[in-house]
């Protein structure tokens, strides 16, 4: 089994983070009322980001 380069793992990690952020932002804008009613982990994370 060939060894994966660190750059490959970094790209994979960045892709996962960007995908999660896009999903969070879309959820935040599409369902703001639902997010406020049930403060999920994503909503709390988005609130922390907005405070920055």
PDB file of N, CA and C in Angstrom:
ATOM      1  N   UNK A   1       0.852  -1.204   0.000  1.00  0.00           N
ATOM      2  CA  UNK A   1       0.000   0.000   0.000  1.00  0.00           C
ATOM      3  C   UNK A   1       0.882   1.247   0.000  1.00  0.00           C
ATOM      4  N   UNK A   2       0.740   2.109  -0.993  1.00  0.00           N
ATOM      5  CA  UNK A   2       1.598   3.306  -1.059  1.00  0.00           C
ATOM      6  C   UNK A   2       1.279   4.282   0.066  1.00  0.00           C
ATOM      7  N   UNK A   3       2.312   4.961   0.522  1.00  0.00           N
ATOM      8  CA  UNK A   3       2.136   5.935   1.611  1.00  0.00           C
ATOM      9  C   UNK A   3       1.525   7.220   1.056  1.00  0.00           C
ATOM     10  N   UNK A   4       0.514   7.729   1.755  1.00  0.00           N
ATOM     11  CA  UNK A   4      -0.127   8.973   1.334  1.00  0.00           C
ATOM     12  C   UNK A   4       0.719  10.159   1.777  1.00  0.00           C
ATOM     13  N   UNK A   5       0.827  11.135   0.917  1.00  0.00           N
ATOM     14  CA  UNK A   5       1.621  12.316   1.261  1.00  0.00           C
ATOM     15  C   UNK A   5       0.856  13.200   2.248  1.00  0.00           C
ATOM     16  N   UNK A   6       1.578  13.941   3.091  1.00  0.00           N
ATOM     17  CA  UNK A   6       0.902  14.851   4.036  1.00  0.00           C
ATOM     18  C   UNK A   6       0.043  15.886   3.324  1.00  0.00           C
ATOM     19  N   UNK A   7       0.479  16.299   2.136  1.00  0.00           N
ATOM     20  CA  UNK A   7      -0.280  17.293   1.380  1.00  0.00           C
ATOM     21  C   UNK A   7      -1.657  16.748   1.013  1.00  0.00           C
ATOM     22  N   UNK A   8      -1.715  15.469   0.676  1.00  0.00           N
ATOM     23  CA  UNK A   8      -2.996  14.835   0.342  1.00  0.00           C
ATOM     24  C   UNK A   8      -3.950  14.896   1.531  1.00  0.00           C
ATOM     25  N   UNK A   9      -3.446  14.565   2.727  1.00  0.00           N
ATOM     26  CA  UNK A   9      -4.290  14.588   3.928  1.00  0.00           C
ATOM     27  C   UNK A   9      -4.713  16.006   4.257  1.00  0.00           C
ATOM     28  N   UNK A  10      -3.810  16.969   4.037  1.00  0.00           N
ATOM     29  CA  UNK A  10      -4.144  18.375   4.299  1.00  0.00           C
ATOM     30  C   UNK A  10      -5.268  18.829   3.371  1.00  0.00           C
ATOM     31  N   UNK A  11      -5.172  18.461   2.099  1.00  0.00           N
ATOM     32  CA  UNK A  11      -6.224  18.824   1.141  1.00  0.00           C
ATOM     33  C   UNK A  11      -7.553  18.178   1.519  1.00  0.00           C
ATOM     34  N   UNK A  12      -7.500  16.915   1.927  1.00  0.00           N
ATOM     35  CA  UNK A  12      -8.711  16.203   2.320  1.00  0.00           C
ATOM     36  C   UNK A  12      -9.350  16.875   3.534  1.00  0.00           C
ATOM     37  N   UNK A  13      -8.511  17.255   4.506  1.00  0.00           N
ATOM     38  CA  UNK A  13      -9.002  17.901   5.725  1.00  0.00           C
ATOM     39  C   UNK A  13      -9.617  19.257   5.408  1.00  0.00           C
ATOM     40  N   UNK A  14      -8.940  20.047   4.563  1.00  0.00           N
ATOM     41  CA  UNK A  14      -9.452  21.367   4.194  1.00  0.00           C
ATOM     42  C   UNK A  14     -10.772  21.236   3.434  1.00  0.00           C
ATOM     43  N   UNK A  15     -10.856  20.237   2.564  1.00  0.00           N
ATOM     44  CA  UNK A  15     -12.087  20.011   1.806  1.00  0.00           C
ATOM     45  C   UNK A  15     -13.240  19.684   2.751  1.00  0.00           C
ATOM     46  N   UNK A  16     -12.963  18.859   3.768  1.00  0.00           N
ATOM     47  CA  UNK A  16     -13.994  18.483   4.737  1.00  0.00           C
ATOM     48  C   UNK A  16     -14.449  19.701   5.539  1.00  0.00           C
ATOM     49  N   UNK A  17     -13.495  20.532   5.974  1.00  0.00           N
ATOM     50  CA  UNK A  17     -13.829  21.729   6.757  1.00  0.00           C
ATOM     51  C   UNK A  17     -14.649  22.706   5.916  1.00  0.00           C
ATOM     52  N   UNK A  18     -14.236  22.931   4.668  1.00  0.00           N
ATOM     53  CA  UNK A  18     -14.963  23.858   3.793  1.00  0.00           C
ATOM     54  C   UNK A  18     -16.375  23.347   3.523  1.00  0.00           C
ATOM     55  N   UNK A  19     -16.497  22.044   3.303  1.00  0.00           N
ATOM     56  CA  UNK A  19     -17.815  21.462   3.066  1.00  0.00           C
ATOM     57  C   UNK A  19     -18.722  21.630   4.277  1.00  0.00           C
ATOM     58  N   UNK A  20     -18.162  21.420   5.462  1.00  0.00           N
ATOM     59  CA  UNK A  20     -18.952  21.574   6.688  1.00  0.00           C
ATOM     60  C   UNK A  20     -19.371  23.025   6.883  1.00  0.00           C
ATOM     61  N   UNK A  21     -18.468  23.955   6.597  1.00  0.00           N
ATOM     62  CA  UNK A  21     -18.790  25.377   6.749  1.00  0.00           C
ATOM     63  C   UNK A  21     -19.876  25.792   5.768  1.00  0.00           C
ATOM     64  N   UNK A  22     -19.771  25.337   4.520  1.00  0.00           N
ATOM     65  CA  UNK A  22     -20.791  25.674   3.527  1.00  0.00           C
ATOM     66  C   UNK A  22     -22.149  25.108   3.947  1.00  0.00           C
ATOM     67  N   UNK A  23     -22.154  23.867   4.433  1.00  0.00           N
ATOM     68  CA  UNK A  23     -23.391  23.235   4.893  1.00  0.00           C
ATOM     69  C   UNK A  23     -23.989  24.016   6.061  1.00  0.00           C
ATOM     70  N   UNK A  24     -23.130  24.469   6.979  1.00  0.00           N
ATOM     71  CA  UNK A  24     -23.604  25.234   8.141  1.00  0.00           C
ATOM     72  C   UNK A  24     -24.200  26.568   7.715  1.00  0.00           C
ATOM     73  N   UNK A  25     -23.510  27.258   6.799  1.00  0.00           N
ATOM     74  CA  UNK A  25     -23.983  28.572   6.344  1.00  0.00           C
ATOM     75  C   UNK A  25     -25.315  28.424   5.605  1.00  0.00           C
ATOM     76  N   UNK A  26     -25.421  27.402   4.755  1.00  0.00           N
ATOM     77  CA  UNK A  26     -26.672  27.184   4.011  1.00  0.00           C
ATOM     78  C   UNK A  26     -27.807  26.886   4.985  1.00  0.00           C
ATOM     79  N   UNK A  27     -27.545  26.030   5.978  1.00  0.00           N
ATOM     80  CA  UNK A  27     -28.572  25.722   6.979  1.00  0.00           C
ATOM     81  C   UNK A  27     -28.961  26.973   7.750  1.00  0.00           C
ATOM     82  N   UNK A  28     -27.968  27.796   8.071  1.00  0.00           N
ATOM     83  CA  UNK A  28     -28.219  29.002   8.873  1.00  0.00           C
ATOM     84  C   UNK A  28     -29.114  29.980   8.115  1.00  0.00           C
ATOM     85  N   UNK A  29     -28.879  30.103   6.791  1.00  0.00           N
ATOM     86  CA  UNK A  29     -29.678  31.054   6.006  1.00  0.00           C
ATOM     87  C   UNK A  29     -31.020  30.468   5.566  1.00  0.00           C
ATOM     88  N   UNK A  30     -31.056  29.159   5.314  1.00  0.00           N
ATOM     89  CA  UNK A  30     -32.291  28.542   4.828  1.00  0.00           C
ATOM     90  C   UNK A  30     -33.308  28.352   5.953  1.00  0.00           C
ATOM     91  N   UNK A  31     -32.823  27.955   7.130  1.00  0.00           N
ATOM     92  CA  UNK A  31     -33.738  27.682   8.246  1.00  0.00           C
ATOM     93  C   UNK A  31     -33.322  28.456   9.497  1.00  0.00           C
ATOM     94  N   UNK A  32     -33.390  29.794   9.465  1.00  0.00           N
ATOM     95  CA  UNK A  32     -32.965  30.562  10.647  1.00  0.00           C
ATOM     96  C   UNK A  32     -33.882  30.358  11.843  1.00  0.00           C
ATOM     97  N   UNK A  33     -35.200  30.234  11.593  1.00  0.00           N
ATOM     98  CA  UNK A  33     -36.143  30.083  12.706  1.00  0.00           C
ATOM     99  C   UNK A  33     -35.934  28.734  13.403  1.00  0.00           C
ATOM    100  N   UNK A  34     -35.721  27.683  12.606  1.00  0.00           N
ATOM    101  CA  UNK A  34     -35.525  26.361  13.184  1.00  0.00           C
ATOM    102  C   UNK A  34     -34.229  26.329  14.003  1.00  0.00           C
ATOM    103  N   UNK A  35     -33.195  27.017  13.510  1.00  0.00           N
ATOM    104  CA  UNK A  35     -31.923  27.032  14.207  1.00  0.00           C
ATOM    105  C   UNK A  35     -32.053  27.753  15.542  1.00  0.00           C
ATOM    106  N   UNK A  36     -32.875  28.798  15.585  1.00  0.00           N
ATOM    107  CA  UNK A  36     -33.054  29.541  16.835  1.00  0.00           C
ATOM    108  C   UNK A  36     -33.874  28.734  17.838  1.00  0.00           C
ATOM    109  N   UNK A  37     -34.848  27.980  17.336  1.00  0.00           N
ATOM    110  CA  UNK A  37     -35.685  27.181  18.236  1.00  0.00           C
ATOM    111  C   UNK A  37     -34.872  26.058  18.882  1.00  0.00           C
ATOM    112  N   UNK A  38     -34.112  25.349  18.062  1.00  0.00           N
ATOM    113  CA  UNK A  38     -33.297  24.254  18.580  1.00  0.00           C
ATOM    114  C   UNK A  38     -31.827  24.585  18.350  1.00  0.00           C
ATOM    115  N   UNK A  39     -31.156  25.154  19.354  1.00  0.00           N
ATOM    116  CA  UNK A  39     -29.743  25.528  19.179  1.00  0.00           C
ATOM    117  C   UNK A  39     -28.853  24.293  19.085  1.00  0.00           C
ATOM    118  N   UNK A  40     -28.587  23.868  17.862  1.00  0.00           N
ATOM    119  CA  UNK A  40     -27.742  22.703  17.651  1.00  0.00           C
ATOM    120  C   UNK A  40     -26.276  23.107  17.739  1.00  0.00           C
ATOM    121  N   UNK A  41     -25.403  22.124  17.590  1.00  0.00           N
ATOM    122  CA  UNK A  41     -23.966  22.396  17.623  1.00  0.00           C
ATOM    123  C   UNK A  41     -23.581  23.332  16.485  1.00  0.00           C
ATOM    124  N   UNK A  42     -24.205  23.137  15.327  1.00  0.00           N
ATOM    125  CA  UNK A  42     -23.910  23.989  14.173  1.00  0.00           C
ATOM    126  C   UNK A  42     -24.312  25.430  14.442  1.00  0.00           C
ATOM    127  N   UNK A  43     -25.479  25.624  15.055  1.00  0.00           N
ATOM    128  CA  UNK A  43     -25.954  26.978  15.338  1.00  0.00           C
ATOM    129  C   UNK A  43     -25.034  27.673  16.332  1.00  0.00           C
ATOM    130  N   UNK A  44     -24.602  26.935  17.345  1.00  0.00           N
ATOM    131  CA  UNK A  44     -23.688  27.521  18.332  1.00  0.00           C
ATOM    132  C   UNK A  44     -22.372  27.904  17.673  1.00  0.00           C
ATOM    133  N   UNK A  45     -21.907  27.027  16.771  1.00  0.00           N
ATOM    134  CA  UNK A  45     -20.659  27.312  16.064  1.00  0.00           C
ATOM    135  C   UNK A  45     -20.799  28.556  15.201  1.00  0.00           C
ATOM    136  N   UNK A  46     -21.928  28.676  14.499  1.00  0.00           N
ATOM    137  CA  UNK A  46     -22.151  29.840  13.644  1.00  0.00           C
ATOM    138  C   UNK A  46     -22.245  31.114  14.474  1.00  0.00           C
ATOM    139  N   UNK A  47     -22.877  31.045  15.641  1.00  0.00           N
ATOM    140  CA  UNK A  47     -22.984  32.226  16.501  1.00  0.00           C
ATOM    141  C   UNK A  47     -21.604  32.680  16.961  1.00  0.00           C
ATOM    142  N   UNK A  48     -20.722  31.715  17.273  1.00  0.00           N
ATOM    143  CA  UNK A  48     -19.357  32.067  17.674  1.00  0.00           C
ATOM    144  C   UNK A  48     -18.628  32.738  16.517  1.00  0.00           C
ATOM    145  N   UNK A  49     -18.837  32.214  15.307  1.00  0.00           N
ATOM    146  CA  UNK A  49     -18.180  32.794  14.126  1.00  0.00           C
ATOM    147  C   UNK A  49     -18.689  34.208  13.886  1.00  0.00           C
ATOM    148  N   UNK A  50     -19.996  34.430  14.032  1.00  0.00           N
ATOM    149  CA  UNK A  50     -20.543  35.772  13.788  1.00  0.00           C
ATOM    150  C   UNK A  50     -20.026  36.762  14.824  1.00  0.00           C
ATOM    151  N   UNK A  51     -19.770  36.290  16.060  1.00  0.00           N
ATOM    152  CA  UNK A  51     -19.268  37.197  17.103  1.00  0.00           C
ATOM    153  C   UNK A  51     -17.863  37.690  16.777  1.00  0.00           C
ATOM    154  N   UNK A  52     -17.082  36.878  16.067  1.00  0.00           N
ATOM    155  CA  UNK A  52     -15.741  37.311  15.668  1.00  0.00           C
ATOM    156  C   UNK A  52     -15.860  38.482  14.709  1.00  0.00           C
TER     157      UNK A  52
END
